[in-house]
PDB file of N, CA and C in Angstrom:
ATOM      1  N   MET A   1      86.739  78.743 109.435  1.00  0.00           N
ATOM      2  CA  MET A   1      87.063  79.662 108.475  1.00  0.00           C
ATOM      3  C   MET A   1      88.460  80.503 108.831  1.00  0.00           C
ATOM      4  N   LEU A   2      88.405  80.283 109.963  1.00  0.00           N
ATOM      5  CA  LEU A   2      89.871  80.998 110.648  1.00  0.00           C
ATOM      6  C   LEU A   2      91.487  80.221 110.331  1.00  0.00           C
ATOM      7  N   GLU A   3      90.678  79.122 110.227  1.00  0.00           N
ATOM      8  CA  GLU A   3      91.902  78.380 109.908  1.00  0.00           C
ATOM      9  C   GLU A   3      92.235  78.284 108.580  1.00  0.00           C
ATOM     10  N   ASN A   4      91.351  78.818 108.022  1.00  0.00           N
ATOM     11  CA  ASN A   4      91.906  78.774 106.115  1.00  0.00           C
ATOM     12  C   ASN A   4      92.151  79.797 106.296  1.00  0.00           C
ATOM     13  N   ILE A   5      91.712  81.142 106.711  1.00  0.00           N
ATOM     14  CA  ILE A   5      92.465  82.500 106.132  1.00  0.00           C
ATOM     15  C   ILE A   5      94.426  82.516 106.988  1.00  0.00           C
ATOM     16  N   LYS A   6      93.860  81.569 108.356  1.00  0.00           N
ATOM     17  CA  LYS A   6      95.488  81.850 108.723  1.00  0.00           C
ATOM     18  C   LYS A   6      96.190  80.657 107.670  1.00  0.00           C
ATOM     19  N   PHE A   7      96.097  79.706 106.848  1.00  0.00           N
ATOM     20  CA  PHE A   7      96.606  78.848 106.006  1.00  0.00           C
ATOM     21  C   PHE A   7      96.538  79.830 105.186  1.00  0.00           C
ATOM     22  N   VAL A   8      95.639  80.491 104.359  1.00  0.00           N
ATOM     23  CA  VAL A   8      95.856  81.232 103.367  1.00  0.00           C
ATOM     24  C   VAL A   8      97.251  82.610 103.601  1.00  0.00           C
ATOM     25  N   GLN A   9      97.032  83.130 104.605  1.00  0.00           N
ATOM     26  CA  GLN A   9      98.526  84.094 104.471  1.00  0.00           C
ATOM     27  C   GLN A   9      99.246  83.462 105.242  1.00  0.00           C
ATOM     28  N   SER A  10      99.764  82.219 106.273  1.00  0.00           N
ATOM     29  CA  SER A  10     101.238  81.570 105.966  1.00  0.00           C
ATOM     30  C   SER A  10     101.525  80.748 104.751  1.00  0.00           C
ATOM     31  N   PHE A  11     100.759  80.471 103.633  1.00  0.00           N
ATOM     32  CA  PHE A  11     101.054  80.448 102.484  1.00  0.00           C
ATOM     33  C   PHE A  11     101.295  81.774 101.470  1.00  0.00           C
ATOM     34  N   PHE A  12     100.933  82.804 101.295  1.00  0.00           N
ATOM     35  CA  PHE A  12     101.322  84.168 100.503  1.00  0.00           C
ATOM     36  C   PHE A  12     102.670  83.968 102.065  1.00  0.00           C
ATOM     37  N   ARG A  13     102.591  83.539 102.485  1.00  0.00           N
ATOM     38  CA  ARG A  13     104.064  84.694 103.241  1.00  0.00           C
ATOM     39  C   ARG A  13     105.425  83.787 103.091  1.00  0.00           C
ATOM     40  N   ALA A  14     104.576  82.498 103.402  1.00  0.00           N
ATOM     41  CA  ALA A  14     105.731  81.107 102.414  1.00  0.00           C
ATOM     42  C   ALA A  14     106.427  82.115 100.961  1.00  0.00           C
ATOM     43  N   VAL A  15     105.579  82.245 100.418  1.00  0.00           N
ATOM     44  CA  VAL A  15     105.836  82.309  98.977  1.00  0.00           C
ATOM     45  C   VAL A  15     106.263  83.949  98.852  1.00  0.00           C
ATOM     46  N   ARG A  16     106.292  84.506  99.616  1.00  0.00           N
ATOM     47  CA  ARG A  16     107.203  86.022  99.431  1.00  0.00           C
ATOM     48  C   ARG A  16     108.515  85.879 100.690  1.00  0.00           C
ATOM     49  N   TYR A  17     108.875  85.279 101.094  1.00  0.00           N
ATOM     50  CA  TYR A  17     110.071  84.438 101.961  1.00  0.00           C
ATOM     51  C   TYR A  17     111.261  84.362 100.852  1.00  0.00           C
ATOM     52  N   ASN A  18     109.748  83.381 100.562  1.00  0.00           N
ATOM     53  CA  ASN A  18     111.246  82.318  99.247  1.00  0.00           C
ATOM     54  C   ASN A  18     111.314  83.455  97.960  1.00  0.00           C
ATOM     55  N   GLY A  19     111.036  84.599  97.695  1.00  0.00           N
ATOM     56  CA  GLY A  19     111.181  85.688  96.433  1.00  0.00           C
ATOM     57  C   GLY A  19     110.515  85.231  95.261  1.00  0.00           C
ATOM     58  N   ILE A  20     109.106  84.250  95.341  1.00  0.00           N
ATOM     59  CA  ILE A  20     108.318  84.176  94.223  1.00  0.00           C
ATOM     60  C   ILE A  20     107.692  85.027  94.019  1.00  0.00           C
ATOM     61  N   TRP A  21     107.505  85.921  92.871  1.00  0.00           N
ATOM     62  CA  TRP A  21     107.114  86.748  92.514  1.00  0.00           C
ATOM     63  C   TRP A  21     105.635  86.263  91.698  1.00  0.00           C
ATOM     64  N   LYS A  22     105.252  85.709  91.661  1.00  0.00           N
ATOM     65  CA  LYS A  22     104.433  85.286  90.436  1.00  0.00           C
ATOM     66  C   LYS A  22     103.993  86.474  89.320  1.00  0.00           C
ATOM     67  N   GLY A  23     104.310  86.296  88.302  1.00  0.00           N
ATOM     68  CA  GLY A  23     103.933  86.990  86.932  1.00  0.00           C
ATOM     69  C   GLY A  23     105.210  88.794  87.183  1.00  0.00           C
ATOM     70  N   ARG A  24     106.665  87.900  87.890  1.00  0.00           N
ATOM     71  CA  ARG A  24     107.648  89.367  88.218  1.00  0.00           C
ATOM     72  C   ARG A  24     109.059  88.602  87.772  1.00  0.00           C
ATOM     73  N   ASP A  25     110.103  89.804  86.917  1.00  0.00           N
ATOM     74  CA  ASP A  25     111.268  89.025  86.315  1.00  0.00           C
ATOM     75  C   ASP A  25     112.403  89.036  87.305  1.00  0.00           C
ATOM     76  N   SER A  26     111.752  90.594  88.157  1.00  0.00           N
ATOM     77  CA  SER A  26     112.506  90.705  89.676  1.00  0.00           C
ATOM     78  C   SER A  26     112.502  90.558  90.911  1.00  0.00           C
ATOM     79  N   MET A  27     113.240  90.996  91.865  1.00  0.00           N
ATOM     80  CA  MET A  27     112.022  90.596  93.091  1.00  0.00           C
ATOM     81  C   MET A  27     111.496  91.877  93.817  1.00  0.00           C
ATOM     82  N   MET A  28     110.292  91.314  95.023  1.00  0.00           N
ATOM     83  CA  MET A  28     110.536  92.915  95.273  1.00  0.00           C
ATOM     84  C   MET A  28     111.113  92.639  96.592  1.00  0.00           C
ATOM     85  N   LYS A  29     111.513  93.992  96.508  1.00  0.00           N
ATOM     86  CA  LYS A  29     112.535  94.076  97.955  1.00  0.00           C
ATOM     87  C   LYS A  29     111.802  95.277  99.096  1.00  0.00           C
ATOM     88  N   PHE A  30     112.018  95.451 100.161  1.00  0.00           N
ATOM     89  CA  PHE A  30     111.161  96.534 101.239  1.00  0.00           C
ATOM     90  C   PHE A  30     112.110  97.254 101.754  1.00  0.00           C
ATOM     91  N   LYS A  31     111.961  98.774 102.033  1.00  0.00           N
ATOM     92  CA  LYS A  31     112.783 100.009 102.298  1.00  0.00           C
ATOM     93  C   LYS A  31     111.557 100.568 103.311  1.00  0.00           C
ATOM     94  N   VAL A  32     112.048 101.549 103.567  1.00  0.00           N
ATOM     95  CA  VAL A  32     111.157 102.880 104.848  1.00  0.00           C
ATOM     96  C   VAL A  32     111.159 103.780 104.411  1.00  0.00           C
ATOM     97  N   ALA A  33     110.649 104.122 103.918  1.00  0.00           N
ATOM     98  CA  ALA A  33     109.913 105.440 103.208  1.00  0.00           C
ATOM     99  C   ALA A  33     110.118 106.538 104.126  1.00  0.00           C
ATOM    100  N   GLN A  34     109.207 106.886 105.113  1.00  0.00           N
ATOM    101  CA  GLN A  34     108.911 108.204 105.860  1.00  0.00           C
ATOM    102  C   GLN A  34     108.017 108.032 107.095  1.00  0.00           C
ATOM    103  N   GLY A  35     108.161 108.250 107.930  1.00  0.00           N
ATOM    104  CA  GLY A  35     107.313 108.299 109.240  1.00  0.00           C
ATOM    105  C   GLY A  35     107.519 107.069 110.185  1.00  0.00           C
ATOM    106  N   CYS A  36     108.839 106.333 110.292  1.00  0.00           N
ATOM    107  CA  CYS A  36     108.883 105.372 111.321  1.00  0.00           C
ATOM    108  C   CYS A  36     109.017 105.920 112.333  1.00  0.00           C
ATOM    109  N   CYS A  37     108.018 104.785 113.081  1.00  0.00           N
ATOM    110  CA  CYS A  37     107.718 105.380 115.268  1.00  0.00           C
ATOM    111  C   CYS A  37     108.682 104.711 115.853  1.00  0.00           C
ATOM    112  N   PHE A  38     109.499 104.308 115.462  1.00  0.00           N
ATOM    113  CA  PHE A  38     110.847 103.141 116.755  1.00  0.00           C
ATOM    114  C   PHE A  38     109.934 102.482 117.380  1.00  0.00           C
ATOM    115  N   CYS A  39     109.281 101.944 116.953  1.00  0.00           N
ATOM    116  CA  CYS A  39     108.348 100.710 117.722  1.00  0.00           C
ATOM    117  C   CYS A  39     109.401  99.682 117.445  1.00  0.00           C
ATOM    118  N   SER A  40     110.020  99.453 116.528  1.00  0.00           N
ATOM    119  CA  SER A  40     110.928  98.190 116.438  1.00  0.00           C
ATOM    120  C   SER A  40     110.065  96.715 116.629  1.00  0.00           C
ATOM    121  N   GLU A  41     108.897  96.967 116.320  1.00  0.00           N
ATOM    122  CA  GLU A  41     108.587  95.258 114.983  1.00  0.00           C
ATOM    123  C   GLU A  41     108.651  94.679 114.471  1.00  0.00           C
ATOM    124  N   CYS A  42     109.613  95.776 113.578  1.00  0.00           N
ATOM    125  CA  CYS A  42     110.240  95.130 112.536  1.00  0.00           C
ATOM    126  C   CYS A  42     110.987  94.653 112.367  1.00  0.00           C
ATOM    127  N   LEU A  43     112.160  94.975 113.213  1.00  0.00           N
ATOM    128  CA  LEU A  43     113.213  94.399 113.616  1.00  0.00           C
ATOM    129  C   LEU A  43     112.718  92.739 114.465  1.00  0.00           C
ATOM    130  N   PHE A  44     111.610  92.426 115.050  1.00  0.00           N
ATOM    131  CA  PHE A  44     111.931  91.435 115.576  1.00  0.00           C
ATOM    132  C   PHE A  44     111.206  90.284 114.730  1.00  0.00           C
ATOM    133  N   ALA A  45     110.335  91.036 113.717  1.00  0.00           N
ATOM    134  CA  ALA A  45     109.578  90.911 112.209  1.00  0.00           C
ATOM    135  C   ALA A  45     111.091  90.273 111.290  1.00  0.00           C
ATOM    136  N   CYS A  46     111.435  90.218 111.631  1.00  0.00           N
ATOM    137  CA  CYS A  46     112.260  90.180 110.098  1.00  0.00           C
ATOM    138  C   CYS A  46     113.751  88.677 109.981  1.00  0.00           C
ATOM    139  N   PRO A  47     113.179  87.687 109.502  1.00  0.00           N
ATOM    140  CA  PRO A  47     113.765  86.268 109.651  1.00  0.00           C
ATOM    141  C   PRO A  47     115.529  86.686 108.998  1.00  0.00           C
ATOM    142  N   ARG A  48     116.254  87.761 108.564  1.00  0.00           N
ATOM    143  CA  ARG A  48     117.353  87.728 108.113  1.00  0.00           C
ATOM    144  C   ARG A  48     118.033  88.452 108.837  1.00  0.00           C
ATOM    145  N   LYS A  49     117.075  89.490 110.010  1.00  0.00           N
ATOM    146  CA  LYS A  49     117.983  90.484 110.712  1.00  0.00           C
ATOM    147  C   LYS A  49     118.498  91.409 109.386  1.00  0.00           C
ATOM    148  N   ALA A  50     117.643  91.123 108.780  1.00  0.00           N
ATOM    149  CA  ALA A  50     118.179  93.041 107.810  1.00  0.00           C
ATOM    150  C   ALA A  50     117.896  94.075 108.290  1.00  0.00           C
ATOM    151  N   ILE A  51     117.203  94.151 109.436  1.00  0.00           N
ATOM    152  CA  ILE A  51     117.285  95.765 109.854  1.00  0.00           C
ATOM    153  C   ILE A  51     117.637  96.308 110.673  1.00  0.00           C
ATOM    154  N   THR A  52     118.196  97.674 110.739  1.00  0.00           N
ATOM    155  CA  THR A  52     118.685  98.225 111.426  1.00  0.00           C
ATOM    156  C   THR A  52     117.880  99.726 112.398  1.00  0.00           C
ATOM    157  N   MET A  53     118.558  99.954 113.656  1.00  0.00           N
ATOM    158  CA  MET A  53     117.417 101.009 114.373  1.00  0.00           C
ATOM    159  C   MET A  53     118.668 102.272 114.523  1.00  0.00           C
ATOM    160  N   ASP A  54     118.199 103.242 114.661  1.00  0.00           N
ATOM    161  CA  ASP A  54     119.414 104.128 114.754  1.00  0.00           C
ATOM    162  C   ASP A  54     118.460 105.660 115.079  1.00  0.00           C
ATOM    163  N   LYS A  55     118.896 106.606 115.281  1.00  0.00           N
ATOM    164  CA  LYS A  55     118.694 107.697 115.991  1.00  0.00           C
ATOM    165  C   LYS A  55     117.347 108.384 114.691  1.00  0.00           C
ATOM    166  N   ASN A  56     117.712 107.720 113.430  1.00  0.00           N
ATOM    167  CA  ASN A  56     116.822 108.854 112.100  1.00  0.00           C
ATOM    168  C   ASN A  56     115.283 107.259 111.967  1.00  0.00           C
ATOM    169  N   GLY A  57     115.153 106.717 112.815  1.00  0.00           N
ATOM    170  CA  GLY A  57     114.549 105.310 112.378  1.00  0.00           C
ATOM    171  C   GLY A  57     114.869 103.938 111.805  1.00  0.00           C
ATOM    172  N   ALA A  58     114.283 102.876 111.534  1.00  0.00           N
ATOM    173  CA  ALA A  58     114.904 101.711 110.795  1.00  0.00           C
ATOM    174  C   ALA A  58     115.528 101.598 109.677  1.00  0.00           C
ATOM    175  N   HIS A  59     116.157 101.166 109.672  1.00  0.00           N
ATOM    176  CA  HIS A  59     116.955 100.738 107.797  1.00  0.00           C
ATOM    177  C   HIS A  59     117.561  99.644 107.661  1.00  0.00           C
ATOM    178  N   ILE A  60     117.125  99.224 106.878  1.00  0.00           N
ATOM    179  CA  ILE A  60     116.682  97.716 105.376  1.00  0.00           C
ATOM    180  C   ILE A  60     118.303  97.543 104.602  1.00  0.00           C
ATOM    181  N   ASP A  61     118.861  96.618 104.952  1.00  0.00           N
ATOM    182  CA  ASP A  61     119.381  96.614 104.580  1.00  0.00           C
ATOM    183  C   ASP A  61     119.435  95.239 103.043  1.00  0.00           C
ATOM    184  N   PRO A  62     119.078  96.191 102.115  1.00  0.00           N
ATOM    185  CA  PRO A  62     119.236  95.826 100.732  1.00  0.00           C
ATOM    186  C   PRO A  62     119.832  94.203 100.820  1.00  0.00           C
ATOM    187  N   ASP A  63     120.688  94.019 100.564  1.00  0.00           N
ATOM    188  CA  ASP A  63     121.603  92.626 100.413  1.00  0.00           C
ATOM    189  C   ASP A  63     121.204  91.934 101.367  1.00  0.00           C
ATOM    190  N   LYS A  64     120.107  92.216 102.981  1.00  0.00           N
ATOM    191  CA  LYS A  64     120.017  91.038 103.434  1.00  0.00           C
ATOM    192  C   LYS A  64     118.354  90.781 103.087  1.00  0.00           C
ATOM    193  N   CYS A  65     118.218  91.598 102.711  1.00  0.00           N
ATOM    194  CA  CYS A  65     116.722  91.640 102.739  1.00  0.00           C
ATOM    195  C   CYS A  65     116.065  90.287 101.696  1.00  0.00           C
ATOM    196  N   VAL A  66     115.676  89.475 101.717  1.00  0.00           N
ATOM    197  CA  VAL A  66     114.894  88.528 100.837  1.00  0.00           C
ATOM    198  C   VAL A  66     113.367  88.892  99.982  1.00  0.00           C
ATOM    199  N   GLY A  67     112.751  89.481 101.100  1.00  0.00           N
ATOM    200  CA  GLY A  67     111.427  90.388 100.432  1.00  0.00           C
ATOM    201  C   GLY A  67     110.289  89.789 100.935  1.00  0.00           C
ATOM    202  N   CYS A  68     110.579  89.253 101.576  1.00  0.00           N
ATOM    203  CA  CYS A  68     109.493  88.282 102.659  1.00  0.00           C
ATOM    204  C   CYS A  68     108.322  88.798 102.907  1.00  0.00           C
ATOM    205  N   GLY A  69     108.826  90.663 103.184  1.00  0.00           N
ATOM    206  CA  GLY A  69     107.175  91.468 103.485  1.00  0.00           C
ATOM    207  C   GLY A  69     107.243  91.386 105.548  1.00  0.00           C
ATOM    208  N   MET A  70     107.418  90.483 105.786  1.00  0.00           N
ATOM    209  CA  MET A  70     107.085  90.570 107.373  1.00  0.00           C
ATOM    210  C   MET A  70     107.371  91.534 107.969  1.00  0.00           C
ATOM    211  N   CYS A  71     108.460  92.306 107.463  1.00  0.00           N
ATOM    212  CA  CYS A  71     108.492  93.833 108.672  1.00  0.00           C
ATOM    213  C   CYS A  71     107.053  94.682 107.664  1.00  0.00           C
ATOM    214  N   ALA A  72     107.116  94.871 106.864  1.00  0.00           N
ATOM    215  CA  ALA A  72     105.656  95.364 106.152  1.00  0.00           C
ATOM    216  C   ALA A  72     104.127  95.207 106.926  1.00  0.00           C
ATOM    217  N   ASP A  73     104.606  93.823 107.314  1.00  0.00           N
ATOM    218  CA  ASP A  73     102.930  93.475 108.072  1.00  0.00           C
ATOM    219  C   ASP A  73     103.427  93.775 109.145  1.00  0.00           C
ATOM    220  N   ASN A  74     104.343  94.027 109.845  1.00  0.00           N
ATOM    221  CA  ASN A  74     104.224  94.573 110.859  1.00  0.00           C
ATOM    222  C   ASN A  74     104.386  95.879 111.939  1.00  0.00           C
ATOM    223  N   CYS A  75     104.810  96.367 110.782  1.00  0.00           N
ATOM    224  CA  CYS A  75     105.055  97.689 110.897  1.00  0.00           C
ATOM    225  C   CYS A  75     103.833  98.550 111.575  1.00  0.00           C
ATOM    226  N   ALA A  76     104.186  99.080 112.503  1.00  0.00           N
ATOM    227  CA  ALA A  76     103.166 100.449 112.959  1.00  0.00           C
ATOM    228  C   ALA A  76     102.183 101.196 112.648  1.00  0.00           C
ATOM    229  N   SER A  77     103.387 101.968 111.939  1.00  0.00           N
ATOM    230  CA  SER A  77     103.436 103.506 111.294  1.00  0.00           C
ATOM    231  C   SER A  77     103.114 103.352 109.835  1.00  0.00           C
ATOM    232  N   GLU A  78     102.802 102.118 109.413  1.00  0.00           N
ATOM    233  CA  GLU A  78     103.037 101.569 107.713  1.00  0.00           C
ATOM    234  C   GLU A  78     104.059 102.403 106.995  1.00  0.00           C
ATOM    235  N   ALA A  79     105.330 102.702 107.323  1.00  0.00           N
ATOM    236  CA  ALA A  79     106.320 103.236 106.642  1.00  0.00           C
ATOM    237  C   ALA A  79     107.255 102.569 106.178  1.00  0.00           C
ATOM    238  N   ILE A  80     107.550 101.226 106.061  1.00  0.00           N
ATOM    239  CA  ILE A  80     107.428 100.341 105.003  1.00  0.00           C
ATOM    240  C   ILE A  80     107.328  99.674 103.945  1.00  0.00           C
ATOM    241  N   VAL A  81     107.581  99.917 102.274  1.00  0.00           N
ATOM    242  CA  VAL A  81     107.110  99.567 101.388  1.00  0.00           C
ATOM    243  C   VAL A  81     108.149  99.025 100.147  1.00  0.00           C
ATOM    244  N   PRO A  82     107.434  98.288  99.370  1.00  0.00           N
ATOM    245  CA  PRO A  82     107.588  97.602  98.294  1.00  0.00           C
ATOM    246  C   PRO A  82     108.730  98.333  97.883  1.00  0.00           C
ATOM    247  N   TYR A  83     109.295  98.217  97.119  1.00  0.00           N
ATOM    248  CA  TYR A  83     109.828  98.324  95.729  1.00  0.00           C
ATOM    249  C   TYR A  83     110.556  97.406  94.647  1.00  0.00           C
ATOM    250  N   GLU A  84     111.070  96.718  93.735  1.00  0.00           N
ATOM    251  CA  GLU A  84     111.256  96.361  92.708  1.00  0.00           C
ATOM    252  C   GLU A  84     113.019  97.117  92.990  1.00  0.00           C
ATOM    253  N   ALA A  85     113.089  95.344  92.818  1.00  0.00           N
ATOM    254  CA  ALA A  85     114.849  95.578  93.123  1.00  0.00           C
ATOM    255  C   ALA A  85     115.645  95.090  91.447  1.00  0.00           C
TER     256      ALA A  85
END
């Protein structure tokens, strides 16, 4: 059962990583809303290195972001939210 769950999770990550959002004309991107706790987990999770950190917290470069959602999945404070680009 656990193997099936891991397969489904990896499938949806692959779908998101490739920017394929069923039923959407535009691609989903992610941004840091409020509440960044400076844990840097999103920095390590982002496959495109679209995230930088400064004294105000994490920032996502929308030009580099491919909408995979790995940053949001790994955000300890749930500060990273999706938006339609």
